[in-house]
Amino acid sequence: MHNPNPRRSFLKISLLGAAALAAVGTGYQLTHPDPGPAKYTLDDNAKMVLAAVIPVLLQGALVGDPTAAIQQSMQRVQTAISSLPLLAQQEVADLFKLLALGPARRWLAGVDPEWREASHEQIHGFLQSWRVHRSPTLQTAYMALHDLVLGTWYGDESTWERIGYPGPIKELR
């Protein structure tokens, strides 16, 4: 009576399974080529995140109709994103997709309600926790949000008078 070695059988089956998975993966890649990074346009989820984050980052700077000011800020952010290299645009897209996911919003950002229902204090707490987080990845994500919103807001000439900035030196214009 022949008693096969169970360990050899397991190894053979594992190797066959790995080879089958590799073949299927290769076939999928050949029939569905990756188009590579594409221009990113703010989608509804990104706009929802920005609508929550902009008033907190620009606290005290928004004048007049806050809804209109937030929309203007979103347009400026979109313009800034469009000027980034495609890979950087994809990273920004990934950040907004991550923040739009409920579990990620709760676990990574610490914000339980949907973004549109989150309080100013909850969003402020999320931003501050990422600003000083021990993870460089979350600190970088915070800086991306911070720089996209504040950089585009204060980079716009229409906001300069409110903060007393006379503009660049005339010789540099």
Foldseek 3Di string as FASTA:
>chain_A
DDDDDVVVVVVVVVVVVVVVVVVVVVVCCVVDPDPPFDQDDDDPLLLLLQLLQLCLLCPPLDDDDNVVVSVVLSVLLSVVLRPDPRVVVVVLVVLSVQCSDQVSVCPQQVFNDHSVPGDSVSSNSSLVCLCPPPDVVSVVSSVSSNCSRVVSVVVDPVSCVVVVHPDDDPVVD
